[in-house]
Protein backbone atom coordinates (compact mmCIF):
# COMPACT_ATOMS: atom_id res chain seq x y z
CA MET A 1 73.21 9.07 11.42
CA ARG A 2 70.64 11.51 12.65
CA LYS A 3 69.80 12.91 9.53
CA ARG A 4 68.98 9.08 7.80
CA TRP A 5 66.48 8.52 10.82
CA THR A 6 64.31 11.67 10.23
CA ARG A 7 64.18 10.46 6.31
CA ILE A 8 63.48 6.85 7.44
CA VAL A 9 60.46 7.16 10.20
CA PRO A 10 58.13 9.73 8.19
CA LEU A 11 58.50 7.69 4.92
CA ALA A 12 57.82 4.17 6.82
CA GLY A 13 55.28 6.06 8.38
CA ALA A 14 53.39 7.07 4.93
CA LEU A 15 54.03 3.61 3.82
CA ALA A 16 51.81 2.26 6.87
CA LEU A 17 49.16 4.33 5.91
CA MET A 18 48.99 3.73 2.75
CA THR A 19 49.11 -0.10 2.72
CA ALA A 20 46.32 0.40 5.59
CA TYR A 21 44.08 2.17 3.18
CA ALA A 22 44.75 -0.36 0.28
CA LEU A 23 43.91 -3.26 2.69
CA ALA A 24 40.86 -1.74 3.77
CA GLN A 25 39.43 -1.55 0.53
CA GLY A 26 40.19 -5.05 -0.59
CA MET A 27 38.54 -6.78 2.54
CA PRO A 28 35.22 -8.32 1.74
CA PRO A 29 31.77 -6.40 2.93
CA ILE A 30 30.70 -7.55 6.32
CA SER A 31 27.46 -9.17 6.63
CA LEU A 32 25.40 -8.37 10.02
CA ARG A 33 23.47 -11.80 8.98
CA PRO A 34 25.52 -14.18 7.87
CA ASN A 35 23.50 -17.07 8.43
CA GLU A 36 20.18 -15.46 7.43
CA ARG A 37 17.68 -17.70 5.97
CA THR A 38 14.47 -17.28 3.83
CA LEU A 39 11.17 -18.47 5.18
CA THR A 40 8.88 -21.04 3.91
CA PRO A 41 5.49 -19.89 3.15
CA GLU A 42 4.30 -21.05 6.19
CA GLU A 43 6.54 -19.60 8.25
CA ARG A 44 5.94 -16.02 6.35
CA GLU A 45 2.13 -16.63 7.01
CA ARG A 46 2.58 -17.47 10.81
CA GLN A 47 4.58 -14.07 11.51
CA LYS A 48 2.05 -11.80 9.68
CA GLN A 49 -0.78 -13.70 11.96
CA ILE A 50 1.69 -12.55 14.56
CA ASP A 51 1.75 -9.14 13.21
CA ASN A 52 -1.85 -8.55 12.93
CA ASP A 53 -2.63 -9.94 16.51
CA TYR A 54 -0.35 -7.32 17.79
CA LYS A 55 -1.24 -4.65 16.11
CA ALA A 56 -5.15 -5.60 16.96
CA ALA A 57 -3.97 -5.51 20.45
CA THR A 58 -2.28 -2.15 20.33
CA GLY A 59 -5.37 -0.95 18.98
CA LYS A 60 -7.21 -1.71 21.95
CA VAL A 61 -4.77 -0.12 24.47
CA PRO A 62 -6.65 3.40 25.28
CA ASP A 63 -5.08 6.54 24.77
CA GLN A 64 -2.87 8.07 27.79
CA ASN A 65 -3.17 11.20 29.31
CA ALA A 66 -0.23 13.10 29.25
CA ASN A 67 1.21 13.37 33.10
CA ASP A 68 2.11 17.09 34.05
CA PRO A 69 3.46 16.85 37.58
CA TRP A 70 3.77 20.57 37.44
CA ALA A 71 0.37 21.39 36.32
CA ALA A 72 -1.01 22.44 39.71
CA ILE A 73 2.30 24.64 40.38
CA ARG A 74 2.65 26.05 36.85
CA PRO A 75 0.74 29.74 36.34
CA ALA A 76 -1.83 29.77 33.69
CA PRO A 77 -0.51 31.35 30.51
CA SER A 78 -1.46 34.93 30.46
CA THR A 79 -2.65 36.43 27.20
CA PRO A 80 -0.11 37.69 24.61
CA SER A 81 0.32 41.17 24.89
CA PRO A 82 0.03 43.42 21.16
CA LYS A 83 2.81 43.18 19.14
CA LYS A 84 4.99 46.00 19.08
CA PRO A 85 5.63 47.59 15.68
CA THR A 86 9.54 46.89 14.40
CA VAL A 87 12.19 49.46 13.99
CA ALA A 88 12.81 48.36 10.28
CA GLY A 89 10.70 51.04 8.82
CA PRO A 90 7.92 50.58 6.29
CA LYS A 91 8.52 47.91 3.75
CA LYS A 92 9.76 48.43 0.44
CA GLN A 93 7.69 47.26 -2.70
């Protein structure tokens, strides 16, 4: 009896996996915007005007300086030390 269950359970699992894959392949594509409608020319013009107004408004904002709270504490960068010769030896040409 036990020998029969050791064959039936893996076969049932394999069958379940195969049917799950087959069902997933047959599913209709999922749309993230199911009720999307096209814009009328007036709505497109209105949207374009809103975009242009936004771009004009963001262009008027002055550039912000970077805020560095550690600037007074951090030491100034020292001059870089000269490069040391590599141990690899002369280059082959």
